[in-house]
């Protein structure tokens, strides 16, 4: 076996190993991306519920304060 053949064989083996590594890297990136998408969807739903509760609470507080002001104004006259 000549030096060129040995080098060519080593290079081909190296290319095969690198191809497998790149496939694994791509698979891991895809899995990570899918996982992050799922987490984002879950977080988005939780934030939406929190916003709804906060808006409802703020509306209740505003109505309560308006009622208190109205009661004070009607009792003063």
N, C-alpha and C. Protein backbone atom coordinates (compact mmCIF):
# COMPACT_ATOMS: atom_id res chain seq x y z
N UNK A 1 0.86 -1.17 0.00
CA UNK A 1 0.00 0.00 0.00
C UNK A 1 0.91 1.24 0.00
N UNK A 2 0.63 2.14 -0.89
CA UNK A 2 1.46 3.33 -0.98
C UNK A 2 0.99 4.37 0.02
N UNK A 3 1.78 5.37 0.18
CA UNK A 3 1.46 6.43 1.12
C UNK A 3 0.19 7.16 0.71
N UNK A 4 0.03 7.35 -0.58
CA UNK A 4 -1.17 8.04 -1.08
C UNK A 4 -2.42 7.20 -0.77
N UNK A 5 -2.34 5.89 -0.98
CA UNK A 5 -3.49 5.03 -0.69
C UNK A 5 -3.83 5.04 0.81
N UNK A 6 -2.81 5.01 1.64
CA UNK A 6 -3.04 5.03 3.08
C UNK A 6 -3.67 6.35 3.50
N UNK A 7 -3.18 7.42 2.96
CA UNK A 7 -3.73 8.74 3.27
C UNK A 7 -5.17 8.85 2.79
N UNK A 8 -5.42 8.31 1.58
CA UNK A 8 -6.77 8.34 1.02
C UNK A 8 -7.72 7.52 1.90
N UNK A 9 -7.28 6.37 2.37
CA UNK A 9 -8.12 5.52 3.22
C UNK A 9 -8.41 6.22 4.55
N UNK A 10 -7.40 6.85 5.14
CA UNK A 10 -7.60 7.58 6.39
C UNK A 10 -8.57 8.75 6.21
N UNK A 11 -8.43 9.45 5.08
CA UNK A 11 -9.29 10.58 4.79
C UNK A 11 -10.75 10.12 4.60
N UNK A 12 -10.94 9.02 3.89
CA UNK A 12 -12.30 8.50 3.70
C UNK A 12 -12.92 8.10 5.04
N UNK A 13 -12.14 7.45 5.89
CA UNK A 13 -12.64 7.05 7.21
C UNK A 13 -12.99 8.29 8.04
N UNK A 14 -12.15 9.28 7.97
CA UNK A 14 -12.40 10.54 8.67
C UNK A 14 -13.70 11.18 8.18
N UNK A 15 -13.92 11.19 6.88
CA UNK A 15 -15.13 11.78 6.32
C UNK A 15 -16.37 11.03 6.79
N UNK A 16 -16.29 9.70 6.87
CA UNK A 16 -17.42 8.89 7.34
C UNK A 16 -17.76 9.24 8.80
N UNK A 17 -16.73 9.32 9.61
CA UNK A 17 -16.94 9.64 11.03
C UNK A 17 -17.52 11.04 11.18
N UNK A 18 -17.00 11.98 10.45
CA UNK A 18 -17.51 13.36 10.53
C UNK A 18 -18.95 13.44 10.05
N UNK A 19 -19.29 12.70 9.02
CA UNK A 19 -20.67 12.69 8.52
C UNK A 19 -21.62 12.20 9.62
N UNK A 20 -21.22 11.15 10.34
CA UNK A 20 -22.05 10.65 11.44
C UNK A 20 -22.16 11.68 12.56
N UNK A 21 -21.06 12.32 12.85
CA UNK A 21 -21.09 13.35 13.90
C UNK A 21 -22.02 14.49 13.52
N UNK A 22 -21.95 14.95 12.28
CA UNK A 22 -22.82 16.04 11.84
C UNK A 22 -24.28 15.63 11.85
N UNK A 23 -24.58 14.40 11.50
CA UNK A 23 -25.95 13.91 11.58
C UNK A 23 -26.45 13.96 13.03
N UNK A 24 -25.61 13.52 13.96
CA UNK A 24 -25.99 13.55 15.37
C UNK A 24 -26.17 14.98 15.88
N UNK A 25 -25.32 15.87 15.44
CA UNK A 25 -25.43 17.28 15.84
C UNK A 25 -26.75 17.85 15.32
N UNK A 26 -27.08 17.58 14.06
CA UNK A 26 -28.32 18.08 13.49
C UNK A 26 -29.53 17.52 14.23
N UNK A 27 -29.48 16.24 14.58
CA UNK A 27 -30.58 15.63 15.32
C UNK A 27 -30.73 16.26 16.70
N UNK A 28 -29.62 16.50 17.39
CA UNK A 28 -29.68 17.12 18.70
C UNK A 28 -30.21 18.55 18.62
N UNK A 29 -29.80 19.29 17.60
CA UNK A 29 -30.30 20.65 17.43
C UNK A 29 -31.80 20.65 17.15
N UNK A 30 -32.27 19.72 16.34
CA UNK A 30 -33.69 19.62 16.05
C UNK A 30 -34.47 19.28 17.31
N UNK A 31 -33.98 18.33 18.09
CA UNK A 31 -34.66 17.95 19.33
C UNK A 31 -34.70 19.12 20.31
N UNK A 32 -33.60 19.85 20.40
CA UNK A 32 -33.55 21.01 21.29
C UNK A 32 -34.53 22.08 20.83
N UNK A 33 -34.58 22.31 19.53
CA UNK A 33 -35.50 23.29 18.98
C UNK A 33 -36.95 22.90 19.25
N UNK A 34 -37.29 21.64 19.04
CA UNK A 34 -38.64 21.16 19.31
C UNK A 34 -38.99 21.31 20.79
N UNK A 35 -38.03 21.01 21.66
CA UNK A 35 -38.26 21.14 23.10
C UNK A 35 -38.49 22.60 23.49
N UNK A 36 -37.71 23.49 22.93
CA UNK A 36 -37.87 24.91 23.24
C UNK A 36 -39.20 25.43 22.73
N UNK A 37 -39.63 24.96 21.55
CA UNK A 37 -40.93 25.37 21.03
C UNK A 37 -42.05 24.93 21.97
N UNK A 38 -41.96 23.71 22.47
CA UNK A 38 -42.99 23.20 23.38
C UNK A 38 -43.00 24.01 24.68
N UNK A 39 -41.84 24.35 25.19
CA UNK A 39 -41.77 25.14 26.42
C UNK A 39 -42.34 26.54 26.19
N UNK A 40 -42.06 27.12 25.04
CA UNK A 40 -42.57 28.46 24.74
C UNK A 40 -44.08 28.45 24.66
N UNK A 41 -44.65 27.42 24.01
CA UNK A 41 -46.10 27.34 23.92
C UNK A 41 -46.72 27.23 25.31
N UNK A 42 -46.11 26.45 26.19
CA UNK A 42 -46.61 26.33 27.56
C UNK A 42 -46.49 27.63 28.33
N UNK A 43 -45.39 28.32 28.16
CA UNK A 43 -45.18 29.61 28.84
C UNK A 43 -46.16 30.65 28.33
N UNK A 44 -46.40 30.63 27.05
CA UNK A 44 -47.31 31.60 26.46
C UNK A 44 -48.72 31.42 27.01
N UNK A 45 -49.16 30.19 27.17
CA UNK A 45 -50.48 29.93 27.72
C UNK A 45 -50.57 30.40 29.18
N UNK A 46 -49.51 30.15 29.95
CA UNK A 46 -49.51 30.60 31.35
C UNK A 46 -49.54 32.12 31.43
N UNK A 47 -48.78 32.79 30.57
CA UNK A 47 -48.79 34.26 30.58
C UNK A 47 -50.16 34.80 30.21
N UNK A 48 -50.81 34.15 29.28
CA UNK A 48 -52.15 34.59 28.87
C UNK A 48 -53.13 34.49 30.04
N UNK A 49 -53.05 33.40 30.80
CA UNK A 49 -53.92 33.24 31.97
C UNK A 49 -53.60 34.30 33.02
N UNK A 50 -52.31 34.57 33.24
CA UNK A 50 -51.93 35.60 34.22
C UNK A 50 -52.45 36.97 33.80
N UNK A 51 -52.35 37.29 32.52
CA UNK A 51 -52.86 38.57 32.04
C UNK A 51 -54.36 38.67 32.27
N UNK A 52 -55.09 37.59 32.03
CA UNK A 52 -56.53 37.61 32.23
C UNK A 52 -56.88 37.85 33.70
N UNK A 53 -56.17 37.19 34.60
CA UNK A 53 -56.42 37.37 36.02
C UNK A 53 -56.09 38.80 36.44
N UNK A 54 -54.98 39.33 35.96
CA UNK A 54 -54.58 40.69 36.34
C UNK A 54 -55.57 41.73 35.81
N UNK A 55 -56.04 41.56 34.59
CA UNK A 55 -57.00 42.51 34.03
C UNK A 55 -58.32 42.45 34.80
N UNK A 56 -58.76 41.23 35.13
CA UNK A 56 -60.00 41.09 35.90
C UNK A 56 -59.84 41.72 37.29
N UNK A 57 -58.70 41.52 37.92
CA UNK A 57 -58.45 42.11 39.24
C UNK A 57 -58.42 43.63 39.17
N UNK A 58 -57.76 44.16 38.17
CA UNK A 58 -57.69 45.61 38.02
C UNK A 58 -59.08 46.19 37.77
N UNK A 59 -59.88 45.52 36.96
CA UNK A 59 -61.25 45.99 36.71
C UNK A 59 -62.08 45.98 37.97
N UNK A 60 -61.93 44.93 38.77
CA UNK A 60 -62.68 44.85 40.04
C UNK A 60 -62.25 45.97 40.98
N UNK A 61 -60.96 46.23 41.04
CA UNK A 61 -60.47 47.29 41.93
C UNK A 61 -61.00 48.66 41.48
N UNK A 62 -61.00 48.90 40.19
CA UNK A 62 -61.49 50.19 39.67
C UNK A 62 -62.97 50.35 39.98
N UNK A 63 -63.75 49.30 39.76
CA UNK A 63 -65.17 49.37 40.06
C UNK A 63 -65.41 49.57 41.56
N UNK A 64 -64.63 48.89 42.38
CA UNK A 64 -64.76 49.05 43.83
C UNK A 64 -64.45 50.46 44.27
N UNK A 65 -63.38 51.05 43.73
CA UNK A 65 -63.03 52.42 44.08
C UNK A 65 -64.07 53.40 43.58
N UNK A 66 -64.59 53.16 42.39
CA UNK A 66 -65.63 54.04 41.85
C UNK A 66 -66.88 53.95 42.72
N UNK A 67 -67.21 52.76 43.19
CA UNK A 67 -68.36 52.61 44.09
C UNK A 67 -68.14 53.33 45.40
N UNK A 68 -66.93 53.26 45.93
CA UNK A 68 -66.63 53.95 47.20
C UNK A 68 -66.73 55.45 47.02
N UNK A 69 -66.20 55.97 45.91
CA UNK A 69 -66.29 57.41 45.64
C UNK A 69 -67.74 57.82 45.49
N UNK A 70 -68.51 57.04 44.78
CA UNK A 70 -69.94 57.34 44.59
C UNK A 70 -70.66 57.36 45.94
N UNK A 71 -70.37 56.38 46.79
CA UNK A 71 -71.00 56.32 48.11
C UNK A 71 -70.63 57.53 48.94
N UNK A 72 -69.39 57.95 48.90
CA UNK A 72 -68.95 59.12 49.66
C UNK A 72 -69.64 60.38 49.14
N UNK A 73 -69.72 60.51 47.83
CA UNK A 73 -70.32 61.70 47.23
C UNK A 73 -71.80 61.77 47.56
N UNK A 74 -72.52 60.67 47.51
CA UNK A 74 -73.96 60.69 47.79
C UNK A 74 -74.25 60.89 49.27
N UNK A 75 -73.37 60.46 50.16
CA UNK A 75 -73.60 60.65 51.60
C UNK A 75 -73.21 62.05 52.07
N UNK A 76 -72.36 62.73 51.35
CA UNK A 76 -71.94 64.08 51.74
C UNK A 76 -73.03 65.09 51.47
N UNK A 77 -73.78 64.91 50.42
CA UNK A 77 -74.80 65.89 50.06
C UNK A 77 -75.95 65.81 50.95
